[in-house]
Structures are given as C-alpha cells and as structure tokens.
Amino acid sequence: STDLTSTVGYDSIIQHLNDGRKNCKEFEDFLKERAIIEEKYGKELINLSKKKPCGQTELNTLKRSLDVFKQQIDNVGQSHIQLAQTLREEAKKMEEFREKQKLHRKKIELIMDAIHKNRNLQYKKTMEVKQTSCCLLPYGSMLLTSTSLSHFWQLFLKLAQTKSALEDSDRSYQQNVTTLEKIREEWQNEHIKACEFFETQECERINYFRNAVWLHVNQLSQDCVQNDEKYEEIRKSLEMCSIEKDIDFFVNLRKTGNLAPAPVVYENYYNTQRNATPVRSPVPVPISRRGPLPTPTSAPGEPDYATVDGYSLI
C-alpha cells in the first residue's frame, strides 16, 4: 500500500496463513474420525469371527476352509485396528507440523507487530512536528509585518522567540523525518524478510499437506491389498475343499458296518405239522457303494461352487 501506516497486505498474508493452518486442522480431524471408524469396524469384525458360529458342525475339508475363513476375517479386523493406529499417528504428525509452524511464525509476527507500532508512532510524531512548523511560519511572518513603534521591542522579542521556536521546530521536523525514514527502511526490510519466511512456510505447508493426503490414500490402498491377500487365502482354502472327500469322511466316521440287516423270518410256533419244511435263513448281502455323487447345481445367476476363474489379485 502507498499508505505508510497501512497493514492491509500484511494482514491479508496472516489471514491466509491462518486459513492454511485451519485447513490442516480439518484434515487432522478427518484422520482422527476415520481412525475411530476403522477401529470400531475392526473390533466388530473380530467379535463377529469369534462369537458368531459359522458351520461349526461341518467336517473335514469344508470345516478347514471355514476355519481359515474365520481366521482371515479376524486378521482383516486386526488390520483395520492397525490402520486406525496408523491414522492416529499421521494425525499426530500433522498436529506437530501445525504447532511447529505456528511457533516459528509467532516469532516473526512479534517482530512485525513491534516494528509496525514503532513506525506508526514515529509517523504520527513526525506529522505533529510538521504541523507545528507549518503553523509557526505564518505567525512569524505576521509579526514581521506588524511593526508599530509602540510595540517594536515587544514584537522584536516575540520575533526572536518565534524565530528560535521555528528553527527548533524545523530541526525537530527534519530529525523526525530522518528517523522515520530509517524506521521505514527497517520496516520494509523486515517486511520483505517476513514475506519470504511466510512464503517458505506456505510452500512447506502445501507440500506437507499434499504428501499427507497422498500417504493417507496409499495407506488405504495398502490396507485393501492386504485384505485382498487374506481373502485370497480363503479362496485357496475353498479350492482345496472336496465334496467327495467330505462325503467319504462322513461315511467312514459314522459308518456302523458293511452288511445290511437280514430279513425277519417267519417261525410257526402254533402248528408244527403244517410247516414241516424249515425256512432257510437268508444270507446277509453286502452293501455295495452307491453310484457317483450328484453334480451340485446352481440357481440361475449364482456362481458355480468354488469357482475362482477370472479372478486377478490387484
């Protein structure tokens, strides 16, 4: 500004820096809230995997697949809890960055506030002395023109006093102008230094803020990749699930023998003469293994059992 005492430009810079600090605080609060959500979600997943039954009476390979499924869901929950802790650490780093910039900027602002106050006081003082000099000059001229003999000596004395006061005022005015110029140069130099410092801080803030958001997105992506690796373990386990093996396992576990019960034979205890021919006991027939297992069918729109074709790990 052309006004020496104006701080409009400086105030605009300070306001912008404060807004930048506020924006960093908003992102910091966002990370904290996201951490709360991730932690709650992780704990809910862990509780679900531990407390909720999921095929607890299954046998053999499918049981192992379901055990892997629950374990990996638990691991996913642990990952979300770890992500929550990571987000809190990043929020803490952002807070430390904001406070460090605030502390460094406060030193510069104190220097600038002091030099602004000194500049304005000197400017005010200089203008007052200038005004005094301007007022004394016409008064001295008036005394020179009012030369009546009766008041000659009085006027002469007043003229001498006025001339002395005028010279003193002029010297004071010159000194104040000189002092003001030194202060103005000092203020201008400090103002330039402050602007350069603020510009450096703003560059650091934008760079830090951008990197913080970038890092946050990378952390979320990494969490998704890790979760997908855990889900891949479930898919691999399900690939090892065999319908044939599970059926055979159940049969072998629960089987009671390989002979069918013999037919019940009629025995006549009432009239032995009517049924003299004895009835031979039937020979137990071994049970043959039934035919091949039926092929599982899926309803329209449902995926085939244990199909993972076409899947690609990100």
Foldseek 3Di string as FASTA:
>chain_A
DVDLLDCVVVVVLVVVVVVLLVVLLVVLVVLLVQLVVLLVVLVVQLCCLPPPDDPPVADDLVNVLVVLVSVLSNVLSVLSNVLSVVSNVLSVVSVVLSVVVVVVLVVLVVVLVVLSVVLVVLVVVLVVLVVVLVVLVVVLVVLVVPPDPVCNVVSVVVNVVSVVVNVVSVVVNVVSVVVSVVSSVVSVVSVVVSVVVSVVSVVVSVVSVVVSVVVSVVSVVVSVLVSVVSVVVSLVSQLVDDPVVSVVVVCVVPPDDFWDDFDDDDDDPDDCVVPVDDDDGDDIDGDDDDDDDDDDDDDPPDDDRSDDPPDDRD
